[in-house]
Amino acid sequence: MIDRDVLYHKIYGSICGLAIGDCMGMPTEFMTPEEIQEKYGYVDKLVTPCNHIHKDLKYGMITDDTEITLQIIEEIIKNQKFDLKVAVEAIINWAKHKDVFNKSYLGPSSAKAIKALLKGVPPEEAGEYGATIGAAMRVTPLGLINIGNIQKAIADAEIMSIPTHNTNLAIAGATSIAAAIAIAMEEDSTEDQVLAAALYGAKEGEKRGNLLIGPSLHKRIELAIELVDKVDDLSKCASILYDYIGAGLQTYEVVPVVIALFYKSKGNVMKAIEASVNLGGDTDTIGAMVGALAGAFYGPGKLNSSIIEEIASINNIDFKVVATNLTEFILLQNNICQK
């Protein structure tokens, strides 16, 4: 059993952590560390994008990372379940409501797959070659609703991947993150248990979907942990990970970086998010995923409440209502008795 208040706070922490990482990382996305330093110095709060790829986004605005997460939660609650049909509805409704083809943030695999879905192509075919980070980016809700249930989190993450990223390379990242969040949601879980879940999820995901050639995700997670094992400073960890693992659009780059930064955070969640958004590369997604995982594990107490309030106001999002609704869905679905 999990206490209602604990469940709510973990969900709220995860969603808010995701949004903070997304919004802080948006202005630095696809810059090098040197460019970030030159334009912004050190990013430790929301900043205004300058001369940036996201010309349609302004100070404090969310990107696809937060948008699709909220859309998936909405569809799960509306349908009172999660399956492939709900996954497809979430993606299509998000694409229509947010006019994503006229936005700067839509990834290449997602763009191609969504166009196919809108033409009526079956989801298993629409995403048959998607291999980038988009699948792992959107599975936070599947970890949240499957508290402690790694196998169900993995199964749901695979389903969420199918419409746009139905390959072993992408699914491995999705199953790794979903499994990690499912364990992070447990009241008494440890960082080592979350890491073990991430590794197990990656191994399981590597067997699924259309098989493409690429490195082993679970071995790259192990390598990332080994590289920063003796390093305490999170910014130095980020620099090492950027140089040796990478921080581009590939799942086998982003997910190991996310898991390593969470594992090294030791409760310094905002510092881990800051390290993510100053890292270079796909900073908004790395920041969002680090924030989502750390927020689920530590709750909202380690997050900057002022930044949460800013993001909520700018984007007209009531994170407390979202967390409350998802909490009630989980309690109803699992018939959990409360203290």
C-alpha atoms as a PDB file:
ATOM      1  CA  MET A   1       0.000   0.000   0.000  1.00  0.00           C
ATOM      2  CA  ILE A   2       1.073   3.578  -0.573  1.00  0.00           C
ATOM      3  CA  ASP A   3      -0.281   6.557   1.297  1.00  0.00           C
ATOM      4  CA  ARG A   4      -2.480   8.839  -0.812  1.00  0.00           C
ATOM      5  CA  ASP A   5      -0.444  11.908   0.079  1.00  0.00           C
ATOM      6  CA  VAL A   6       2.837  10.182  -0.752  1.00  0.00           C
ATOM      7  CA  LEU A   7       1.423   9.038  -4.092  1.00  0.00           C
ATOM      8  CA  TYR A   8       0.178  12.522  -4.930  1.00  0.00           C
ATOM      9  CA  HIS A   9       3.465  14.186  -3.995  1.00  0.00           C
ATOM     10  CA  LYS A  10       5.520  11.748  -6.047  1.00  0.00           C
ATOM     11  CA  ILE A  11       3.284  12.282  -9.088  1.00  0.00           C
ATOM     12  CA  TYR A  12       3.312  16.050  -8.586  1.00  0.00           C
ATOM     13  CA  GLY A  13       7.087  16.018  -8.144  1.00  0.00           C
ATOM     14  CA  SER A  14       7.608  13.989 -11.305  1.00  0.00           C
ATOM     15  CA  ILE A  15       5.375  16.133 -13.513  1.00  0.00           C
ATOM     16  CA  CYS A  16       6.794  19.387 -12.148  1.00  0.00           C
ATOM     17  CA  GLY A  17      10.371  18.106 -12.380  1.00  0.00           C
ATOM     18  CA  LEU A  18       9.753  17.199 -16.001  1.00  0.00           C
ATOM     19  CA  ALA A  19       8.348  20.654 -16.784  1.00  0.00           C
ATOM     20  CA  ILE A  20      11.223  22.447 -15.049  1.00  0.00           C
ATOM     21  CA  GLY A  21      13.837  20.495 -16.999  1.00  0.00           C
ATOM     22  CA  ASP A  22      11.924  21.044 -20.220  1.00  0.00           C
ATOM     23  CA  CYS A  23      11.521  24.799 -19.801  1.00  0.00           C
ATOM     24  CA  MET A  24      15.023  25.449 -18.467  1.00  0.00           C
ATOM     25  CA  GLY A  25      16.531  23.315 -21.223  1.00  0.00           C
ATOM     26  CA  MET A  26      14.493  24.688 -24.110  1.00  0.00           C
ATOM     27  CA  PRO A  27      16.649  27.808 -24.717  1.00  0.00           C
ATOM     28  CA  THR A  28      19.902  25.790 -24.709  1.00  0.00           C
ATOM     29  CA  GLU A  29      18.739  22.888 -26.866  1.00  0.00           C
ATOM     30  CA  PHE A  30      21.201  21.721 -29.527  1.00  0.00           C
ATOM     31  CA  MET A  31      23.858  24.188 -28.466  1.00  0.00           C
ATOM     32  CA  THR A  32      27.354  23.113 -27.526  1.00  0.00           C
ATOM     33  CA  PRO A  33      28.467  23.669 -23.918  1.00  0.00           C
ATOM     34  CA  GLU A  34      30.648  26.521 -25.157  1.00  0.00           C
ATOM     35  CA  GLU A  35      27.726  28.223 -26.926  1.00  0.00           C
ATOM     36  CA  ILE A  36      25.571  27.917 -23.818  1.00  0.00           C
ATOM     37  CA  GLN A  37      28.295  29.486 -21.701  1.00  0.00           C
ATOM     38  CA  GLU A  38      28.777  32.317 -24.207  1.00  0.00           C
ATOM     39  CA  LYS A  39      25.072  33.162 -24.558  1.00  0.00           C
ATOM     40  CA  TYR A  40      23.720  32.488 -21.084  1.00  0.00           C
ATOM     41  CA  GLY A  41      26.578  31.935 -18.690  1.00  0.00           C
ATOM     42  CA  TYR A  42      25.314  29.235 -16.330  1.00  0.00           C
ATOM     43  CA  VAL A  43      21.589  28.467 -16.616  1.00  0.00           C
ATOM     44  CA  ASP A  44      20.069  27.986 -13.154  1.00  0.00           C
ATOM     45  CA  LYS A  45      16.654  29.517 -13.815  1.00  0.00           C
ATOM     46  CA  LEU A  46      14.298  30.186 -16.707  1.00  0.00           C
ATOM     47  CA  VAL A  47      15.959  32.251 -19.436  1.00  0.00           C
ATOM     48  CA  THR A  48      14.763  33.860 -22.666  1.00  0.00           C
ATOM     49  CA  PRO A  49      15.795  32.048 -25.871  1.00  0.00           C
ATOM     50  CA  CYS A  50      18.129  34.163 -28.008  1.00  0.00           C
ATOM     51  CA  ASN A  51      19.010  33.495 -31.653  1.00  0.00           C
ATOM     52  CA  HIS A  52      17.682  30.011 -31.181  1.00  0.00           C
ATOM     53  CA  ILE A  53      16.039  27.227 -33.189  1.00  0.00           C
ATOM     54  CA  HIS A  54      12.833  27.605 -31.158  1.00  0.00           C
ATOM     55  CA  LYS A  55      11.839  30.978 -32.586  1.00  0.00           C
ATOM     56  CA  ASP A  56       8.179  30.190 -31.878  1.00  0.00           C
ATOM     57  CA  LEU A  57       8.840  29.670 -28.159  1.00  0.00           C
ATOM     58  CA  LYS A  58       9.322  32.388 -25.574  1.00  0.00           C
ATOM     59  CA  TYR A  59      10.484  32.659 -21.973  1.00  0.00           C
ATOM     60  CA  GLY A  60       9.230  29.816 -19.785  1.00  0.00           C
ATOM     61  CA  MET A  61       7.241  27.984 -22.457  1.00  0.00           C
ATOM     62  CA  ILE A  62       7.019  24.201 -22.476  1.00  0.00           C
ATOM     63  CA  THR A  63       7.939  22.031 -25.464  1.00  0.00           C
ATOM     64  CA  ASP A  64       6.778  18.654 -26.747  1.00  0.00           C
ATOM     65  CA  ASP A  65       8.314  16.894 -23.722  1.00  0.00           C
ATOM     66  CA  THR A  66       5.749  18.358 -21.331  1.00  0.00           C
ATOM     67  CA  GLU A  67       2.919  18.664 -23.851  1.00  0.00           C
ATOM     68  CA  ILE A  68       2.840  15.001 -24.829  1.00  0.00           C
ATOM     69  CA  THR A  69       3.216  13.895 -21.195  1.00  0.00           C
ATOM     70  CA  LEU A  70       0.157  15.912 -20.192  1.00  0.00           C
ATOM     71  CA  GLN A  71      -1.758  14.664 -23.250  1.00  0.00           C
ATOM     72  CA  ILE A  72      -1.035  11.021 -22.401  1.00  0.00           C
ATOM     73  CA  ILE A  73      -2.177  11.570 -18.810  1.00  0.00           C
ATOM     74  CA  GLU A  74      -5.358  13.219 -20.092  1.00  0.00           C
ATOM     75  CA  GLU A  75      -6.100  10.331 -22.455  1.00  0.00           C
ATOM     76  CA  ILE A  76      -5.441   7.694 -19.784  1.00  0.00           C
ATOM     77  CA  ILE A  77      -7.834   9.390 -17.374  1.00  0.00           C
ATOM     78  CA  LYS A  78     -10.455   9.994 -20.084  1.00  0.00           C
ATOM     79  CA  ASN A  79     -10.386   6.359 -21.207  1.00  0.00           C
ATOM     80  CA  GLN A  80      -9.799   4.945 -17.708  1.00  0.00           C
ATOM     81  CA  LYS A  81      -7.144   2.625 -19.146  1.00  0.00           C
ATOM     82  CA  PHE A  82      -4.010   2.485 -21.263  1.00  0.00           C
ATOM     83  CA  ASP A  83      -3.620   0.439 -24.428  1.00  0.00           C
ATOM     84  CA  LEU A  84      -2.432   0.908 -28.016  1.00  0.00           C
ATOM     85  CA  LYS A  85      -5.625   2.707 -29.010  1.00  0.00           C
ATOM     86  CA  VAL A  86      -5.156   5.211 -26.184  1.00  0.00           C
ATOM     87  CA  ALA A  87      -1.500   5.656 -27.141  1.00  0.00           C
ATOM     88  CA  VAL A  88      -2.423   6.482 -30.735  1.00  0.00           C
ATOM     89  CA  GLU A  89      -5.212   8.840 -29.631  1.00  0.00           C
ATOM     90  CA  ALA A  90      -2.802  10.680 -27.364  1.00  0.00           C
ATOM     91  CA  ILE A  91      -0.275  11.211 -30.134  1.00  0.00           C
ATOM     92  CA  ILE A  92      -2.830  12.243 -32.764  1.00  0.00           C
ATOM     93  CA  ASN A  93      -4.778  14.545 -30.420  1.00  0.00           C
ATOM     94  CA  TRP A  94      -1.575  16.187 -29.281  1.00  0.00           C
ATOM     95  CA  ALA A  95      -0.479  16.694 -32.888  1.00  0.00           C
ATOM     96  CA  LYS A  96      -3.813  18.285 -33.796  1.00  0.00           C
ATOM     97  CA  HIS A  97      -4.313  20.410 -30.686  1.00  0.00           C
ATOM     98  CA  LYS A  98      -0.761  21.772 -30.675  1.00  0.00           C
ATOM     99  CA  ASP A  99      -0.364  22.150 -34.450  1.00  0.00           C
ATOM    100  CA  VAL A 100       2.951  20.335 -34.128  1.00  0.00           C
ATOM    101  CA  PHE A 101       3.936  20.424 -37.786  1.00  0.00           C
ATOM    102  CA  ASN A 102       4.249  24.191 -37.507  1.00  0.00           C
ATOM    103  CA  LYS A 103       6.363  23.976 -34.354  1.00  0.00           C
ATOM    104  CA  SER A 104      10.138  23.866 -34.140  1.00  0.00           C
ATOM    105  CA  TYR A 105      10.357  21.043 -31.607  1.00  0.00           C
ATOM    106  CA  LEU A 106       8.883  18.043 -33.454  1.00  0.00           C
ATOM    107  CA  GLY A 107      11.473  15.270 -33.809  1.00  0.00           C
ATOM    108  CA  PRO A 108      12.182  13.525 -37.127  1.00  0.00           C
ATOM    109  CA  SER A 109      10.894  10.064 -36.180  1.00  0.00           C
ATOM    110  CA  SER A 110       7.722  11.439 -34.605  1.00  0.00           C
ATOM    111  CA  ALA A 111       7.009  13.756 -37.533  1.00  0.00           C
ATOM    112  CA  LYS A 112       7.250  10.954 -40.089  1.00  0.00           C
ATOM    113  CA  ALA A 113       5.196   8.539 -37.985  1.00  0.00           C
ATOM    114  CA  ILE A 114       2.439  11.026 -37.119  1.00  0.00           C
ATOM    115  CA  LYS A 115       1.960  11.866 -40.793  1.00  0.00           C
ATOM    116  CA  ALA A 116       1.569   8.146 -41.462  1.00  0.00           C
ATOM    117  CA  LEU A 117      -0.884   7.709 -38.580  1.00  0.00           C
ATOM    118  CA  LEU A 118      -3.002  10.587 -39.874  1.00  0.00           C
ATOM    119  CA  LYS A 119      -3.164   8.809 -43.241  1.00  0.00           C
ATOM    120  CA  GLY A 120      -4.485   5.690 -41.559  1.00  0.00           C
ATOM    121  CA  VAL A 121      -1.304   3.633 -41.587  1.00  0.00           C
ATOM    122  CA  PRO A 122      -1.428   0.987 -38.801  1.00  0.00           C
ATOM    123  CA  PRO A 123       0.636   2.059 -35.767  1.00  0.00           C
ATOM    124  CA  GLU A 124       2.903  -0.996 -36.011  1.00  0.00           C
ATOM    125  CA  GLU A 125       3.948   0.178 -39.474  1.00  0.00           C
ATOM    126  CA  ALA A 126       3.919   3.942 -38.855  1.00  0.00           C
ATOM    127  CA  GLY A 127       6.753   3.747 -36.352  1.00  0.00           C
ATOM    128  CA  GLU A 128       8.658   0.792 -37.742  1.00  0.00           C
ATOM    129  CA  TYR A 129      11.962   2.659 -38.184  1.00  0.00           C
ATOM    130  CA  GLY A 130      11.838   5.273 -35.422  1.00  0.00           C
ATOM    131  CA  ALA A 131      14.977   4.954 -33.296  1.00  0.00           C
ATOM    132  CA  THR A 132      15.457   8.326 -31.606  1.00  0.00           C
ATOM    133  CA  ILE A 133      14.654   9.557 -28.091  1.00  0.00           C
ATOM    134  CA  GLY A 134      10.962  10.388 -28.658  1.00  0.00           C
ATOM    135  CA  ALA A 135       9.741   7.086 -27.200  1.00  0.00           C
ATOM    136  CA  ALA A 136      11.643   7.393 -23.915  1.00  0.00           C
ATOM    137  CA  MET A 137      10.688  11.064 -23.708  1.00  0.00           C
ATOM    138  CA  ARG A 138       6.987  10.307 -23.340  1.00  0.00           C
ATOM    139  CA  VAL A 139       6.787   7.297 -21.014  1.00  0.00           C
ATOM    140  CA  THR A 140       6.804   9.076 -17.660  1.00  0.00           C
ATOM    141  CA  PRO A 141       3.022   8.524 -17.213  1.00  0.00           C
ATOM    142  CA  LEU A 142       3.471   4.771 -17.731  1.00  0.00           C
ATOM    143  CA  GLY A 143       5.988   4.644 -14.923  1.00  0.00           C
ATOM    144  CA  LEU A 144       3.730   6.714 -12.667  1.00  0.00           C
ATOM    145  CA  ILE A 145       0.674   4.490 -13.072  1.00  0.00           C
ATOM    146  CA  ASN A 146       2.577   1.223 -12.577  1.00  0.00           C
ATOM    147  CA  ILE A 147       3.978   1.716  -9.094  1.00  0.00           C
ATOM    148  CA  GLY A 148       6.520  -1.021  -8.390  1.00  0.00           C
ATOM    149  CA  ASN A 149       5.263  -3.120 -11.300  1.00  0.00           C
ATOM    150  CA  ILE A 150       8.267  -3.254 -13.585  1.00  0.00           C
ATOM    151  CA  GLN A 151       6.810  -5.800 -15.996  1.00  0.00           C
ATOM    152  CA  LYS A 152       3.633  -3.770 -16.585  1.00  0.00           C
ATOM    153  CA  ALA A 153       5.629  -0.540 -16.918  1.00  0.00           C
ATOM    154  CA  ILE A 154       7.816  -2.219 -19.541  1.00  0.00           C
ATOM    155  CA  ALA A 155       4.825  -3.599 -21.425  1.00  0.00           C
ATOM    156  CA  ASP A 156       3.062  -0.226 -21.428  1.00  0.00           C
ATOM    157  CA  ALA A 157       6.233   1.591 -22.485  1.00  0.00           C
ATOM    158  CA  GLU A 158       6.572  -0.740 -25.458  1.00  0.00           C
ATOM    159  CA  ILE A 159       2.956  -0.028 -26.418  1.00  0.00           C
ATOM    160  CA  MET A 160       3.574   3.733 -26.156  1.00  0.00           C
ATOM    161  CA  SER A 161       6.604   3.361 -28.436  1.00  0.00           C
ATOM    162  CA  ILE A 162       4.925   1.367 -31.204  1.00  0.00           C
ATOM    163  CA  PRO A 163       3.125   4.184 -33.102  1.00  0.00           C
ATOM    164  CA  THR A 164       6.277   6.260 -33.634  1.00  0.00           C
ATOM    165  CA  HIS A 165       9.365   4.337 -32.452  1.00  0.00           C
ATOM    166  CA  ASN A 166       8.764   0.618 -32.966  1.00  0.00           C
ATOM    167  CA  THR A 167      12.428  -0.432 -32.879  1.00  0.00           C
ATOM    168  CA  ASN A 168      14.640  -2.142 -30.330  1.00  0.00           C
ATOM    169  CA  LEU A 169      16.880   0.931 -30.035  1.00  0.00           C
ATOM    170  CA  ALA A 170      14.023   3.255 -29.102  1.00  0.00           C
ATOM    171  CA  ILE A 171      11.940   0.790 -27.094  1.00  0.00           C
ATOM    172  CA  ALA A 172      14.922  -0.067 -24.889  1.00  0.00           C
ATOM    173  CA  GLY A 173      15.098   3.565 -23.795  1.00  0.00           C
ATOM    174  CA  ALA A 174      11.375   3.756 -23.171  1.00  0.00           C
ATOM    175  CA  THR A 175      11.269   0.552 -21.132  1.00  0.00           C
ATOM    176  CA  SER A 176      14.345   1.601 -19.163  1.00  0.00           C
ATOM    177  CA  ILE A 177      12.869   4.957 -18.134  1.00  0.00           C
ATOM    178  CA  ALA A 178       9.393   3.566 -17.407  1.00  0.00           C
ATOM    179  CA  ALA A 179      10.810   0.781 -15.232  1.00  0.00           C
ATOM    180  CA  ALA A 180      13.035   3.239 -13.375  1.00  0.00           C
ATOM    181  CA  ILE A 181      10.116   5.582 -12.653  1.00  0.00           C
ATOM    182  CA  ALA A 182       7.895   2.670 -11.566  1.00  0.00           C
ATOM    183  CA  ILE A 183      10.450   1.774  -8.890  1.00  0.00           C
ATOM    184  CA  ALA A 184      11.116   5.430  -8.015  1.00  0.00           C
ATOM    185  CA  MET A 185       7.398   5.698  -7.225  1.00  0.00           C
ATOM    186  CA  GLU A 186       7.705   3.141  -4.429  1.00  0.00           C
ATOM    187  CA  GLU A 187       7.791   4.789  -1.017  1.00  0.00           C
ATOM    188  CA  ASP A 188      10.951   3.067   0.247  1.00  0.00           C
ATOM    189  CA  SER A 189      12.914   2.472  -2.956  1.00  0.00           C
ATOM    190  CA  THR A 190      16.630   3.249  -3.174  1.00  0.00           C
ATOM    191  CA  GLU A 191      18.787   4.784  -5.899  1.00  0.00           C
ATOM    192  CA  ASP A 192      20.393   1.377  -6.465  1.00  0.00           C
ATOM    193  CA  GLN A 193      16.982  -0.217  -6.984  1.00  0.00           C
ATOM    194  CA  VAL A 194      16.053   2.494  -9.494  1.00  0.00           C
ATOM    195  CA  LEU A 195      19.325   1.895 -11.356  1.00  0.00           C
ATOM    196  CA  ALA A 196      18.728  -1.865 -11.360  1.00  0.00           C
ATOM    197  CA  ALA A 197      15.235  -1.291 -12.768  1.00  0.00           C
ATOM    198  CA  ALA A 198      16.616   0.973 -15.498  1.00  0.00           C
ATOM    199  CA  LEU A 199      19.153  -1.680 -16.493  1.00  0.00           C
ATOM    200  CA  TYR A 200      16.559  -4.457 -16.447  1.00  0.00           C
ATOM    201  CA  GLY A 201      14.129  -2.359 -18.465  1.00  0.00           C
ATOM    202  CA  ALA A 202      16.819  -1.626 -21.036  1.00  0.00           C
ATOM    203  CA  LYS A 203      17.710  -5.321 -21.385  1.00  0.00           C
ATOM    204  CA  GLU A 204      14.056  -6.249 -21.895  1.00  0.00           C
ATOM    205  CA  GLY A 205      13.475  -3.453 -24.401  1.00  0.00           C
ATOM    206  CA  GLU A 206      16.507  -4.444 -26.448  1.00  0.00           C
ATOM    207  CA  LYS A 207      14.640  -7.644 -27.413  1.00  0.00           C
ATOM    208  CA  ARG A 208      11.515  -5.851 -28.679  1.00  0.00           C
ATOM    209  CA  GLY A 209      10.397  -4.062 -31.820  1.00  0.00           C
ATOM    210  CA  ASN A 210      12.008  -4.090 -35.236  1.00  0.00           C
ATOM    211  CA  LEU A 211      15.678  -4.934 -34.789  1.00  0.00           C
ATOM    212  CA  LEU A 212      18.125  -2.249 -35.890  1.00  0.00           C
ATOM    213  CA  ILE A 213      21.891  -2.229 -35.537  1.00  0.00           C
ATOM    214  CA  GLY A 214      23.138  -0.176 -32.609  1.00  0.00           C
ATOM    215  CA  PRO A 215      24.928  -0.344 -29.265  1.00  0.00           C
ATOM    216  CA  SER A 216      23.508  -2.088 -26.214  1.00  0.00           C
ATOM    217  CA  LEU A 217      21.633   0.434 -24.097  1.00  0.00           C
ATOM    218  CA  HIS A 218      22.090  -1.391 -20.815  1.00  0.00           C
ATOM    219  CA  LYS A 219      25.840  -1.627 -21.381  1.00  0.00           C
ATOM    220  CA  ARG A 220      26.008   2.082 -22.175  1.00  0.00           C
ATOM    221  CA  ILE A 221      24.129   2.843 -18.951  1.00  0.00           C
ATOM    222  CA  GLU A 222      26.696   0.747 -17.084  1.00  0.00           C
ATOM    223  CA  LEU A 223      29.482   2.627 -18.885  1.00  0.00           C
ATOM    224  CA  ALA A 224      27.962   6.010 -18.009  1.00  0.00           C
ATOM    225  CA  ILE A 225      27.771   5.062 -14.328  1.00  0.00           C
ATOM    226  CA  GLU A 226      31.363   3.814 -14.407  1.00  0.00           C
ATOM    227  CA  LEU A 227      32.632   7.012 -16.066  1.00  0.00           C
ATOM    228  CA  VAL A 228      31.291   9.264 -13.294  1.00  0.00           C
ATOM    229  CA  ASP A 229      31.696   6.842 -10.396  1.00  0.00           C
ATOM    230  CA  LYS A 230      34.471   8.816  -8.666  1.00  0.00           C
ATOM    231  CA  VAL A 231      33.164  12.273  -9.610  1.00  0.00           C
ATOM    232  CA  ASP A 232      30.972  14.177  -7.159  1.00  0.00           C
ATOM    233  CA  ASP A 233      30.445  17.503  -8.929  1.00  0.00           C
ATOM    234  CA  LEU A 234      27.377  17.191 -11.145  1.00  0.00           C
ATOM    235  CA  SER A 235      28.602  19.718 -13.705  1.00  0.00           C
ATOM    236  CA  LYS A 236      31.811  17.711 -14.120  1.00  0.00           C
ATOM    237  CA  CYS A 237      29.730  14.548 -14.426  1.00  0.00           C
ATOM    238  CA  ALA A 238      27.702  16.198 -17.178  1.00  0.00           C
ATOM    239  CA  SER A 239      30.830  17.264 -19.034  1.00  0.00           C
ATOM    240  CA  ILE A 240      32.283  13.760 -18.925  1.00  0.00           C
ATOM    241  CA  LEU A 241      29.014  12.238 -20.089  1.00  0.00           C
ATOM    242  CA  TYR A 242      28.747  14.746 -22.946  1.00  0.00           C
ATOM    243  CA  ASP A 243      32.267  13.893 -24.139  1.00  0.00           C
ATOM    244  CA  TYR A 244      32.142  10.117 -23.792  1.00  0.00           C
ATOM    245  CA  ILE A 245      28.459   9.127 -24.091  1.00  0.00           C
ATOM    246  CA  GLY A 246      26.985  11.980 -26.145  1.00  0.00           C
ATOM    247  CA  ALA A 247      23.839  14.069 -25.829  1.00  0.00           C
ATOM    248  CA  GLY A 248      22.196  14.056 -29.256  1.00  0.00           C
ATOM    249  CA  LEU A 249      18.881  12.618 -30.397  1.00  0.00           C
ATOM    250  CA  GLN A 250      19.917   8.986 -30.073  1.00  0.00           C
ATOM    251  CA  THR A 251      18.276   6.959 -27.325  1.00  0.00           C
ATOM    252  CA  TYR A 252      21.553   5.217 -26.495  1.00  0.00           C
ATOM    253  CA  GLU A 253      23.080   8.621 -25.734  1.00  0.00           C
ATOM    254  CA  VAL A 254      20.309  10.403 -23.833  1.00  0.00           C
ATOM    255  CA  VAL A 255      19.053   7.608 -21.573  1.00  0.00           C
ATOM    256  CA  PRO A 256      22.475   6.672 -20.124  1.00  0.00           C
ATOM    257  CA  VAL A 257      23.124  10.367 -19.411  1.00  0.00           C
ATOM    258  CA  VAL A 258      19.745  10.712 -17.686  1.00  0.00           C
ATOM    259  CA  ILE A 259      20.205   7.626 -15.524  1.00  0.00           C
ATOM    260  CA  ALA A 260      23.751   8.611 -14.559  1.00  0.00           C
ATOM    261  CA  LEU A 261      22.810  12.177 -13.596  1.00  0.00           C
ATOM    262  CA  PHE A 262      19.878  10.939 -11.513  1.00  0.00           C
ATOM    263  CA  TYR A 263      22.064   8.344  -9.820  1.00  0.00           C
ATOM    264  CA  LYS A 264      24.735  10.920  -8.990  1.00  0.00           C
ATOM    265  CA  SER A 265      22.282  13.592  -7.833  1.00  0.00           C
ATOM    266  CA  LYS A 266      21.977  12.245  -4.261  1.00  0.00           C
ATOM    267  CA  GLY A 267      18.991  14.491  -3.652  1.00  0.00           C
ATOM    268  CA  ASN A 268      20.417  17.588  -5.364  1.00  0.00           C
ATOM    269  CA  VAL A 269      17.603  17.543  -7.911  1.00  0.00           C
ATOM    270  CA  MET A 270      17.849  21.149  -9.075  1.00  0.00           C
ATOM    271  CA  LYS A 271      21.618  20.787  -9.501  1.00  0.00           C
ATOM    272  CA  ALA A 272      21.028  17.661 -11.579  1.00  0.00           C
ATOM    273  CA  ILE A 273      18.527  19.536 -13.747  1.00  0.00           C
ATOM    274  CA  GLU A 274      20.933  22.463 -14.059  1.00  0.00           C
ATOM    275  CA  ALA A 275      23.724  20.086 -15.100  1.00  0.00           C
ATOM    276  CA  SER A 276      21.369  18.655 -17.719  1.00  0.00           C
ATOM    277  CA  VAL A 277      20.384  21.975 -19.286  1.00  0.00           C
ATOM    278  CA  ASN A 278      23.968  23.286 -19.378  1.00  0.00           C
ATOM    279  CA  LEU A 279      25.248  20.002 -20.797  1.00  0.00           C
ATOM    280  CA  GLY A 280      24.724  20.736 -24.484  1.00  0.00           C
ATOM    281  CA  GLY A 281      22.817  18.678 -27.041  1.00  0.00           C
ATOM    282  CA  ASP A 282      19.199  17.674 -26.433  1.00  0.00           C
ATOM    283  CA  THR A 283      19.070  19.636 -23.194  1.00  0.00           C
ATOM    284  CA  ASP A 284      15.315  20.055 -22.806  1.00  0.00           C
ATOM    285  CA  THR A 285      14.656  16.321 -23.103  1.00  0.00           C
ATOM    286  CA  ILE A 286      17.581  15.370 -20.866  1.00  0.00           C
ATOM    287  CA  GLY A 287      16.489  17.956 -18.295  1.00  0.00           C
ATOM    288  CA  ALA A 288      12.872  16.819 -18.508  1.00  0.00           C
ATOM    289  CA  MET A 289      13.715  13.147 -18.042  1.00  0.00           C
ATOM    290  CA  VAL A 290      16.119  13.794 -15.166  1.00  0.00           C
ATOM    291  CA  GLY A 291      13.474  16.001 -13.540  1.00  0.00           C
ATOM    292  CA  ALA A 292      10.726  13.405 -14.043  1.00  0.00           C
ATOM    293  CA  LEU A 293      12.749  10.546 -12.567  1.00  0.00           C
ATOM    294  CA  ALA A 294      14.210  12.546  -9.673  1.00  0.00           C
ATOM    295  CA  GLY A 295      10.843  14.181  -8.997  1.00  0.00           C
ATOM    296  CA  ALA A 296       9.188  10.778  -8.713  1.00  0.00           C
ATOM    297  CA  PHE A 297      11.898   9.528  -6.375  1.00  0.00           C
ATOM    298  CA  TYR A 298      12.347  12.559  -4.124  1.00  0.00           C
ATOM    299  CA  GLY A 299       9.002  14.314  -4.507  1.00  0.00           C
ATOM    300  CA  PRO A 300       8.543  18.087  -5.026  1.00  0.00           C
ATOM    301  CA  GLY A 301      10.439  19.165  -1.924  1.00  0.00           C
ATOM    302  CA  LYS A 302      13.758  19.222  -3.805  1.00  0.00           C
ATOM    303  CA  LEU A 303      12.354  21.346  -6.657  1.00  0.00           C
ATOM    304  CA  ASN A 304      12.292  25.143  -7.015  1.00  0.00           C
ATOM    305  CA  SER A 305       8.685  26.072  -6.231  1.00  0.00           C
ATOM    306  CA  SER A 306       9.060  29.566  -7.718  1.00  0.00           C
ATOM    307  CA  ILE A 307      10.022  28.101 -11.094  1.00  0.00           C
ATOM    308  CA  ILE A 308       7.068  25.710 -10.925  1.00  0.00           C
ATOM    309  CA  GLU A 309       4.713  28.635 -10.297  1.00  0.00           C
ATOM    310  CA  GLU A 310       6.226  30.599 -13.194  1.00  0.00           C
ATOM    311  CA  ILE A 311       5.851  27.702 -15.617  1.00  0.00           C
ATOM    312  CA  ALA A 312       2.294  27.026 -14.471  1.00  0.00           C
ATOM    313  CA  SER A 313       1.328  30.668 -14.964  1.00  0.00           C
ATOM    314  CA  ILE A 314       3.045  31.152 -18.327  1.00  0.00           C
ATOM    315  CA  ASN A 315       1.636  27.935 -19.816  1.00  0.00           C
ATOM    316  CA  ASN A 316      -1.727  27.999 -18.026  1.00  0.00           C
ATOM    317  CA  ILE A 317      -1.201  24.566 -16.459  1.00  0.00           C
ATOM    318  CA  ASP A 318      -2.495  23.553 -13.043  1.00  0.00           C
ATOM    319  CA  PHE A 319       0.008  20.872 -12.091  1.00  0.00           C
ATOM    320  CA  LYS A 320      -1.812  20.194  -8.825  1.00  0.00           C
ATOM    321  CA  VAL A 321      -5.042  19.336 -10.646  1.00  0.00           C
ATOM    322  CA  VAL A 322      -3.164  17.068 -13.071  1.00  0.00           C
ATOM    323  CA  ALA A 323      -1.455  15.276 -10.173  1.00  0.00           C
ATOM    324  CA  THR A 324      -4.706  14.980  -8.236  1.00  0.00           C
ATOM    325  CA  ASN A 325      -6.574  13.502 -11.201  1.00  0.00           C
ATOM    326  CA  LEU A 326      -3.846  10.961 -11.919  1.00  0.00           C
ATOM    327  CA  THR A 327      -3.634  10.043  -8.237  1.00  0.00           C
ATOM    328  CA  GLU A 328      -7.367   9.323  -8.142  1.00  0.00           C
ATOM    329  CA  PHE A 329      -7.139   7.252 -11.333  1.00  0.00           C
ATOM    330  CA  ILE A 330      -4.354   5.110  -9.866  1.00  0.00           C
ATOM    331  CA  LEU A 331      -6.188   4.581  -6.593  1.00  0.00           C
ATOM    332  CA  LEU A 332      -9.382   3.611  -8.401  1.00  0.00           C
ATOM    333  CA  GLN A 333      -7.663   1.254 -10.818  1.00  0.00           C
ATOM    334  CA  ASN A 334      -5.709  -0.504  -8.105  1.00  0.00           C
ATOM    335  CA  ASN A 335      -8.395  -0.358  -5.404  1.00  0.00           C
ATOM    336  CA  ILE A 336      -5.699   0.766  -2.984  1.00  0.00           C
ATOM    337  CA  CYS A 337      -6.803   1.154   0.619  1.00  0.00           C
ATOM    338  CA  GLN A 338      -5.528   4.348   2.139  1.00  0.00           C
ATOM    339  CA  LYS A 339      -4.264   5.271   5.546  1.00  0.00           C
END
